[in-house]
Amino acid sequence: MKKNLLITILAVVIIMILSIVMTGKNTISAGVNKDMEPVREENSDFVGTWYVSSDTDYDMLDAAFPDVFAFGDELVIRPDGKLYWHIGAAGAAGTYEVKGNQLTAVVADVAEYDECSIVITLDDDGNLYMKYKSVPLKWSYGGSNCY
């Protein structure tokens, strides 16, 4: 019971930290960030909130991210060149640039503080694909968590 409560608190704190880092403000008191730049044409297909696709292999997802079913998943790509994502309590935040159908991001892992580069590819059906620590992930736009 205490372990579940601790994990829940940790996930909430991580999500709040990601939100603060991405907006540069305390979003709890500041509300909506009205200083965001307008969507640039070259990244408009990527901008928005994405969730792990419903056709994802649940066993693989659970093995790679054991707390995913407790805390959900989300990838947020903002029009100002910043992004963050989380699957369970794992996640990263950083900046990106777009060339064609590929988004290249430099992100810092929130738990391990490791900085790495990830490539996210947009397919013809409007899904995003990326690998994180050798785990292939497919993201779908909008909707909700895959489970």
N, C-alpha and C. Protein backbone atom coordinates (compact mmCIF):
# COMPACT_ATOMS: atom_id res chain seq x y z
N MET A 1 0.82 -1.19 0.00
CA MET A 1 0.00 0.00 0.00
C MET A 1 0.87 1.26 0.00
N LYS A 2 1.87 1.30 0.90
CA LYS A 2 2.75 2.47 0.96
C LYS A 2 3.57 2.60 -0.32
N LYS A 3 3.96 1.44 -0.91
CA LYS A 3 4.73 1.48 -2.15
C LYS A 3 3.90 2.09 -3.27
N ASN A 4 2.63 1.71 -3.39
CA ASN A 4 1.75 2.27 -4.43
C ASN A 4 1.55 3.76 -4.23
N LEU A 5 1.38 4.18 -2.99
CA LEU A 5 1.21 5.60 -2.70
C LEU A 5 2.47 6.38 -3.07
N LEU A 6 3.64 5.83 -2.74
CA LEU A 6 4.90 6.47 -3.06
C LEU A 6 5.08 6.59 -4.57
N ILE A 7 4.75 5.54 -5.31
CA ILE A 7 4.85 5.55 -6.77
C ILE A 7 3.90 6.59 -7.35
N THR A 8 2.69 6.68 -6.82
CA THR A 8 1.72 7.66 -7.30
C THR A 8 2.22 9.08 -7.07
N ILE A 9 2.73 9.33 -5.90
CA ILE A 9 3.25 10.67 -5.58
C ILE A 9 4.43 10.99 -6.48
N LEU A 10 5.33 10.04 -6.70
CA LEU A 10 6.48 10.25 -7.57
C LEU A 10 6.04 10.58 -8.99
N ALA A 11 5.07 9.87 -9.52
CA ALA A 11 4.59 10.13 -10.88
C ALA A 11 3.97 11.52 -10.99
N VAL A 12 3.19 11.92 -10.01
CA VAL A 12 2.57 13.24 -10.03
C VAL A 12 3.64 14.33 -9.98
N VAL A 13 4.65 14.15 -9.14
CA VAL A 13 5.73 15.13 -9.04
C VAL A 13 6.49 15.22 -10.37
N ILE A 14 6.78 14.08 -11.00
CA ILE A 14 7.48 14.08 -12.28
C ILE A 14 6.68 14.81 -13.34
N ILE A 15 5.39 14.56 -13.41
CA ILE A 15 4.54 15.22 -14.39
C ILE A 15 4.50 16.73 -14.13
N MET A 16 4.42 17.13 -12.87
CA MET A 16 4.42 18.56 -12.55
C MET A 16 5.74 19.20 -12.93
N ILE A 17 6.84 18.52 -12.68
CA ILE A 17 8.16 19.05 -13.03
C ILE A 17 8.26 19.20 -14.54
N LEU A 18 7.83 18.19 -15.29
CA LEU A 18 7.85 18.29 -16.75
C LEU A 18 7.02 19.48 -17.23
N SER A 19 5.86 19.67 -16.64
CA SER A 19 5.00 20.78 -17.02
C SER A 19 5.67 22.12 -16.74
N ILE A 20 6.30 22.25 -15.59
CA ILE A 20 6.98 23.49 -15.23
C ILE A 20 8.17 23.74 -16.15
N VAL A 21 8.96 22.69 -16.41
CA VAL A 21 10.12 22.83 -17.27
C VAL A 21 9.70 23.24 -18.68
N MET A 22 8.63 22.66 -19.18
CA MET A 22 8.21 22.92 -20.54
C MET A 22 7.60 24.32 -20.70
N THR A 23 6.94 24.83 -19.71
CA THR A 23 6.32 26.15 -19.85
C THR A 23 7.18 27.26 -19.28
N GLY A 24 8.12 26.91 -18.43
CA GLY A 24 8.93 27.93 -17.79
C GLY A 24 8.17 28.66 -16.69
N LYS A 25 7.01 28.13 -16.34
CA LYS A 25 6.18 28.75 -15.31
C LYS A 25 5.59 27.66 -14.43
N ASN A 26 5.12 28.05 -13.30
CA ASN A 26 4.36 27.15 -12.45
C ASN A 26 2.94 27.13 -12.99
N THR A 27 2.58 26.06 -13.72
CA THR A 27 1.30 26.03 -14.40
C THR A 27 0.13 25.94 -13.44
N ILE A 28 0.36 25.55 -12.22
CA ILE A 28 -0.74 25.48 -11.27
C ILE A 28 -1.27 26.87 -10.98
N SER A 29 -0.37 27.84 -10.84
CA SER A 29 -0.83 29.19 -10.54
C SER A 29 -0.87 30.09 -11.77
N ALA A 30 -0.08 29.75 -12.79
CA ALA A 30 0.01 30.65 -13.94
C ALA A 30 -1.08 30.41 -14.98
N GLY A 31 -1.70 29.23 -14.98
CA GLY A 31 -2.72 28.95 -15.97
C GLY A 31 -2.11 28.66 -17.33
N VAL A 32 -2.81 29.01 -18.39
CA VAL A 32 -2.38 28.71 -19.74
C VAL A 32 -1.23 29.62 -20.15
N ASN A 33 -0.25 29.04 -20.82
CA ASN A 33 0.88 29.81 -21.32
C ASN A 33 0.44 30.53 -22.59
N LYS A 34 0.19 31.82 -22.51
CA LYS A 34 -0.28 32.59 -23.65
C LYS A 34 0.86 33.13 -24.50
N ASP A 35 2.11 32.87 -24.10
CA ASP A 35 3.26 33.38 -24.83
C ASP A 35 3.75 32.41 -25.89
N MET A 36 3.04 31.31 -26.10
CA MET A 36 3.49 30.32 -27.07
C MET A 36 3.44 30.90 -28.48
N GLU A 37 4.44 30.54 -29.27
CA GLU A 37 4.48 30.98 -30.65
C GLU A 37 3.39 30.28 -31.44
N PRO A 38 2.94 30.88 -32.54
CA PRO A 38 1.97 30.19 -33.38
C PRO A 38 2.60 28.95 -34.01
N VAL A 39 1.77 28.00 -34.37
CA VAL A 39 2.26 26.77 -34.98
C VAL A 39 2.99 27.11 -36.27
N ARG A 40 4.21 26.60 -36.38
CA ARG A 40 4.98 26.79 -37.61
C ARG A 40 4.57 25.69 -38.58
N GLU A 41 4.45 26.01 -39.84
CA GLU A 41 3.99 25.06 -40.86
C GLU A 41 4.83 23.79 -40.89
N GLU A 42 6.16 23.91 -40.72
CA GLU A 42 7.02 22.75 -40.88
C GLU A 42 6.85 21.70 -39.78
N ASN A 43 6.23 22.02 -38.67
CA ASN A 43 6.05 21.00 -37.64
C ASN A 43 4.58 20.80 -37.27
N SER A 44 3.67 21.37 -38.01
CA SER A 44 2.26 21.31 -37.62
C SER A 44 1.71 19.90 -37.58
N ASP A 45 2.26 18.97 -38.37
CA ASP A 45 1.78 17.59 -38.33
C ASP A 45 2.19 16.88 -37.04
N PHE A 46 3.20 17.37 -36.38
CA PHE A 46 3.70 16.75 -35.16
C PHE A 46 3.07 17.35 -33.89
N VAL A 47 2.68 18.60 -33.94
CA VAL A 47 2.22 19.32 -32.75
C VAL A 47 0.93 18.73 -32.21
N GLY A 48 0.89 18.54 -30.90
CA GLY A 48 -0.32 18.06 -30.24
C GLY A 48 -0.01 17.05 -29.16
N THR A 49 -1.07 16.42 -28.69
CA THR A 49 -0.95 15.40 -27.64
C THR A 49 -1.18 14.03 -28.26
N TRP A 50 -0.25 13.13 -28.00
CA TRP A 50 -0.24 11.80 -28.58
C TRP A 50 -0.27 10.77 -27.44
N TYR A 51 -0.79 9.59 -27.73
CA TYR A 51 -0.83 8.49 -26.77
C TYR A 51 -0.33 7.22 -27.43
N VAL A 52 0.23 6.31 -26.62
CA VAL A 52 0.70 5.04 -27.17
C VAL A 52 -0.48 4.38 -27.87
N SER A 53 -0.24 3.91 -29.08
CA SER A 53 -1.30 3.35 -29.93
C SER A 53 -1.95 2.13 -29.29
N SER A 54 -3.23 1.96 -29.58
CA SER A 54 -3.99 0.84 -29.02
C SER A 54 -3.53 -0.51 -29.57
N ASP A 55 -2.79 -0.53 -30.68
CA ASP A 55 -2.30 -1.82 -31.19
C ASP A 55 -0.89 -2.14 -30.72
N THR A 56 -0.47 -1.48 -29.66
CA THR A 56 0.84 -1.74 -29.05
C THR A 56 0.81 -3.08 -28.32
N ASP A 57 1.92 -3.78 -28.32
CA ASP A 57 2.06 -5.04 -27.61
C ASP A 57 2.09 -4.74 -26.10
N TYR A 58 1.00 -5.07 -25.41
CA TYR A 58 0.86 -4.73 -23.99
C TYR A 58 1.91 -5.40 -23.12
N ASP A 59 2.26 -6.66 -23.45
CA ASP A 59 3.27 -7.36 -22.65
C ASP A 59 4.62 -6.66 -22.75
N MET A 60 4.99 -6.24 -23.97
CA MET A 60 6.25 -5.53 -24.17
C MET A 60 6.22 -4.20 -23.43
N LEU A 61 5.10 -3.50 -23.53
CA LEU A 61 4.97 -2.19 -22.87
C LEU A 61 5.07 -2.34 -21.35
N ASP A 62 4.40 -3.33 -20.80
CA ASP A 62 4.42 -3.56 -19.36
C ASP A 62 5.81 -4.00 -18.89
N ALA A 63 6.51 -4.79 -19.70
CA ALA A 63 7.86 -5.23 -19.32
C ALA A 63 8.84 -4.06 -19.31
N ALA A 64 8.71 -3.17 -20.29
CA ALA A 64 9.63 -2.04 -20.39
C ALA A 64 9.30 -0.92 -19.42
N PHE A 65 8.01 -0.73 -19.16
CA PHE A 65 7.53 0.35 -18.29
C PHE A 65 6.52 -0.23 -17.31
N PRO A 66 6.98 -0.86 -16.21
CA PRO A 66 6.09 -1.62 -15.32
C PRO A 66 4.93 -0.83 -14.72
N ASP A 67 5.04 0.46 -14.59
CA ASP A 67 3.97 1.24 -13.97
C ASP A 67 3.10 1.98 -14.98
N VAL A 68 3.17 1.58 -16.26
CA VAL A 68 2.40 2.27 -17.30
C VAL A 68 0.90 2.20 -17.04
N PHE A 69 0.43 1.08 -16.56
CA PHE A 69 -1.01 0.93 -16.37
C PHE A 69 -1.51 1.71 -15.16
N ALA A 70 -0.61 2.09 -14.28
CA ALA A 70 -0.99 2.91 -13.13
C ALA A 70 -1.00 4.40 -13.47
N PHE A 71 -0.06 4.84 -14.33
CA PHE A 71 0.12 6.27 -14.55
C PHE A 71 -0.10 6.73 -15.98
N GLY A 72 -0.36 5.82 -16.90
CA GLY A 72 -0.69 6.21 -18.26
C GLY A 72 0.51 6.63 -19.09
N ASP A 73 0.21 7.24 -20.22
CA ASP A 73 1.23 7.66 -21.16
C ASP A 73 0.77 8.91 -21.90
N GLU A 74 1.75 9.67 -22.36
CA GLU A 74 1.43 10.90 -23.08
C GLU A 74 2.70 11.43 -23.73
N LEU A 75 2.57 11.93 -24.96
CA LEU A 75 3.64 12.63 -25.67
C LEU A 75 3.06 13.97 -26.08
N VAL A 76 3.66 15.05 -25.61
CA VAL A 76 3.18 16.39 -25.96
C VAL A 76 4.27 17.09 -26.76
N ILE A 77 3.91 17.47 -27.98
CA ILE A 77 4.82 18.20 -28.85
C ILE A 77 4.24 19.59 -29.03
N ARG A 78 4.97 20.57 -28.56
CA ARG A 78 4.49 21.96 -28.58
C ARG A 78 4.99 22.68 -29.82
N PRO A 79 4.30 23.71 -30.26
CA PRO A 79 4.71 24.44 -31.45
C PRO A 79 5.96 25.30 -31.25
N ASP A 80 6.39 25.48 -30.01
CA ASP A 80 7.56 26.33 -29.75
C ASP A 80 8.88 25.56 -29.74
N GLY A 81 8.87 24.31 -30.23
CA GLY A 81 10.09 23.54 -30.32
C GLY A 81 10.43 22.72 -29.08
N LYS A 82 9.48 22.58 -28.17
CA LYS A 82 9.70 21.79 -26.95
C LYS A 82 8.75 20.59 -26.95
N LEU A 83 9.21 19.52 -26.31
CA LEU A 83 8.35 18.35 -26.16
C LEU A 83 8.64 17.68 -24.83
N TYR A 84 7.68 16.88 -24.38
CA TYR A 84 7.90 16.00 -23.24
C TYR A 84 7.02 14.79 -23.41
N TRP A 85 7.42 13.71 -22.77
CA TRP A 85 6.61 12.50 -22.81
C TRP A 85 6.80 11.73 -21.52
N HIS A 86 5.83 10.89 -21.23
CA HIS A 86 5.97 9.96 -20.11
C HIS A 86 5.20 8.69 -20.43
N ILE A 87 5.75 7.59 -19.99
CA ILE A 87 5.06 6.29 -19.99
C ILE A 87 5.25 5.77 -18.59
N GLY A 88 4.17 5.72 -17.83
CA GLY A 88 4.29 5.42 -16.41
C GLY A 88 5.08 6.53 -15.76
N ALA A 89 6.05 6.17 -14.93
CA ALA A 89 6.88 7.17 -14.26
C ALA A 89 8.13 7.51 -15.08
N ALA A 90 8.37 6.80 -16.18
CA ALA A 90 9.51 7.10 -17.05
C ALA A 90 9.13 8.25 -17.98
N GLY A 91 10.09 9.08 -18.32
CA GLY A 91 9.79 10.17 -19.24
C GLY A 91 11.00 11.01 -19.53
N ALA A 92 10.80 11.96 -20.44
CA ALA A 92 11.89 12.85 -20.84
C ALA A 92 11.30 14.16 -21.34
N ALA A 93 12.14 15.18 -21.35
CA ALA A 93 11.73 16.49 -21.85
C ALA A 93 12.90 17.08 -22.62
N GLY A 94 12.59 17.90 -23.62
CA GLY A 94 13.67 18.52 -24.37
C GLY A 94 13.17 19.39 -25.50
N THR A 95 14.04 19.59 -26.47
CA THR A 95 13.73 20.45 -27.61
C THR A 95 13.87 19.62 -28.89
N TYR A 96 13.26 20.13 -29.96
CA TYR A 96 13.28 19.38 -31.21
C TYR A 96 13.36 20.29 -32.42
N GLU A 97 13.67 19.65 -33.55
CA GLU A 97 13.56 20.31 -34.85
C GLU A 97 12.99 19.28 -35.83
N VAL A 98 12.32 19.78 -36.88
CA VAL A 98 11.65 18.92 -37.84
C VAL A 98 12.28 19.11 -39.21
N LYS A 99 12.53 17.99 -39.87
CA LYS A 99 12.97 17.99 -41.28
C LYS A 99 12.16 16.92 -41.99
N GLY A 100 11.27 17.35 -42.86
CA GLY A 100 10.42 16.40 -43.58
C GLY A 100 9.49 15.68 -42.64
N ASN A 101 9.54 14.34 -42.70
CA ASN A 101 8.66 13.55 -41.83
C ASN A 101 9.39 13.05 -40.58
N GLN A 102 10.53 13.67 -40.24
CA GLN A 102 11.28 13.26 -39.05
C GLN A 102 11.47 14.42 -38.09
N LEU A 103 11.23 14.12 -36.85
CA LEU A 103 11.46 15.06 -35.75
C LEU A 103 12.65 14.51 -34.99
N THR A 104 13.67 15.33 -34.80
CA THR A 104 14.84 14.94 -34.02
C THR A 104 14.85 15.76 -32.75
N ALA A 105 14.93 15.08 -31.61
CA ALA A 105 14.86 15.75 -30.33
C ALA A 105 16.08 15.41 -29.48
N VAL A 106 16.51 16.38 -28.70
CA VAL A 106 17.51 16.15 -27.66
C VAL A 106 16.74 16.25 -26.35
N VAL A 107 16.71 15.14 -25.62
CA VAL A 107 15.89 15.07 -24.41
C VAL A 107 16.73 14.63 -23.22
N ALA A 108 16.27 15.00 -22.05
CA ALA A 108 16.88 14.55 -20.80
C ALA A 108 15.88 13.65 -20.10
N ASP A 109 16.32 12.46 -19.75
CA ASP A 109 15.49 11.51 -19.02
C ASP A 109 15.27 12.06 -17.61
N VAL A 110 14.02 12.12 -17.17
CA VAL A 110 13.73 12.73 -15.87
C VAL A 110 14.19 11.91 -14.68
N ALA A 111 14.29 10.61 -14.84
CA ALA A 111 14.70 9.77 -13.72
C ALA A 111 16.21 9.60 -13.65
N GLU A 112 16.85 9.43 -14.81
CA GLU A 112 18.27 9.14 -14.83
C GLU A 112 19.13 10.34 -15.19
N TYR A 113 18.51 11.44 -15.58
CA TYR A 113 19.20 12.66 -15.96
C TYR A 113 20.17 12.45 -17.12
N ASP A 114 19.92 11.41 -17.92
CA ASP A 114 20.74 11.17 -19.10
C ASP A 114 20.19 11.98 -20.26
N GLU A 115 21.08 12.59 -21.01
CA GLU A 115 20.66 13.31 -22.21
C GLU A 115 20.91 12.42 -23.41
N CYS A 116 19.93 12.34 -24.29
CA CYS A 116 20.08 11.53 -25.48
C CYS A 116 19.31 12.16 -26.63
N SER A 117 19.54 11.64 -27.80
CA SER A 117 18.84 12.11 -28.99
C SER A 117 17.86 11.03 -29.42
N ILE A 118 16.65 11.43 -29.78
CA ILE A 118 15.67 10.48 -30.29
C ILE A 118 15.16 11.00 -31.62
N VAL A 119 14.75 10.08 -32.47
CA VAL A 119 14.16 10.42 -33.76
C VAL A 119 12.73 9.90 -33.76
N ILE A 120 11.80 10.76 -34.11
CA ILE A 120 10.40 10.39 -34.20
C ILE A 120 10.00 10.57 -35.66
N THR A 121 9.43 9.52 -36.23
CA THR A 121 9.05 9.54 -37.64
C THR A 121 7.53 9.54 -37.78
N LEU A 122 7.03 10.36 -38.68
CA LEU A 122 5.60 10.44 -38.98
C LEU A 122 5.33 9.58 -40.21
N ASP A 123 4.39 8.60 -40.09
CA ASP A 123 4.08 7.76 -41.25
C ASP A 123 2.92 8.35 -42.05
N ASP A 124 2.60 7.72 -43.17
CA ASP A 124 1.54 8.22 -44.05
C ASP A 124 0.15 8.16 -43.42
N ASP A 125 -0.01 7.31 -42.39
CA ASP A 125 -1.30 7.19 -41.71
C ASP A 125 -1.45 8.16 -40.55
N GLY A 126 -0.42 9.00 -40.30
CA GLY A 126 -0.49 9.99 -39.24
C GLY A 126 -0.09 9.49 -37.88
N ASN A 127 0.64 8.36 -37.80
CA ASN A 127 1.15 7.84 -36.53
C ASN A 127 2.62 8.21 -36.39
N LEU A 128 3.07 8.29 -35.15
CA LEU A 128 4.47 8.57 -34.87
C LEU A 128 5.15 7.30 -34.37
N TYR A 129 6.41 7.14 -34.75
CA TYR A 129 7.20 5.99 -34.32
C TYR A 129 8.50 6.48 -33.73
N MET A 130 8.90 5.87 -32.62
CA MET A 130 10.19 6.19 -32.00
C MET A 130 10.68 4.97 -31.24
N LYS A 131 11.97 4.94 -30.96
CA LYS A 131 12.55 3.92 -30.10
C LYS A 131 13.11 4.63 -28.89
N TYR A 132 12.84 4.07 -27.72
CA TYR A 132 13.42 4.60 -26.50
C TYR A 132 14.01 3.43 -25.73
N LYS A 133 15.31 3.46 -25.54
CA LYS A 133 16.03 2.38 -24.88
C LYS A 133 15.70 1.04 -25.54
N SER A 134 15.75 1.02 -26.85
CA SER A 134 15.51 -0.17 -27.69
C SER A 134 14.07 -0.65 -27.70
N VAL A 135 13.16 0.10 -27.13
CA VAL A 135 11.75 -0.28 -27.13
C VAL A 135 11.05 0.50 -28.24
N PRO A 136 10.48 -0.20 -29.25
CA PRO A 136 9.76 0.51 -30.30
C PRO A 136 8.40 1.00 -29.79
N LEU A 137 8.08 2.25 -30.07
CA LEU A 137 6.82 2.83 -29.61
C LEU A 137 6.08 3.45 -30.79
N LYS A 138 4.79 3.19 -30.85
CA LYS A 138 3.92 3.80 -31.85
C LYS A 138 2.95 4.70 -31.11
N TRP A 139 2.87 5.97 -31.52
CA TRP A 139 1.99 6.95 -30.88
C TRP A 139 0.88 7.34 -31.85
N SER A 140 -0.34 7.46 -31.32
CA SER A 140 -1.49 7.93 -32.10
C SER A 140 -1.94 9.27 -31.57
N TYR A 141 -2.44 10.11 -32.47
CA TYR A 141 -2.84 11.46 -32.10
C TYR A 141 -4.15 11.47 -31.33
N GLY A 142 -4.21 12.33 -30.31
CA GLY A 142 -5.46 12.54 -29.57
C GLY A 142 -5.95 11.28 -28.88
N GLY A 143 -7.22 11.23 -28.63
CA GLY A 143 -7.79 10.07 -27.98
C GLY A 143 -7.38 9.98 -26.53
N SER A 144 -7.05 8.77 -26.11
CA SER A 144 -6.66 8.56 -24.72
C SER A 144 -5.71 7.38 -24.64
N ASN A 145 -5.34 7.03 -23.43
CA ASN A 145 -4.42 5.93 -23.22
C ASN A 145 -4.92 4.66 -23.89
N CYS A 146 -3.99 3.76 -24.24
CA CYS A 146 -4.31 2.58 -25.03
C CYS A 146 -4.97 1.47 -24.23
N TYR A 147 -5.19 1.61 -22.96
CA TYR A 147 -5.69 0.50 -22.15
C TYR A 147 -6.90 0.87 -21.36
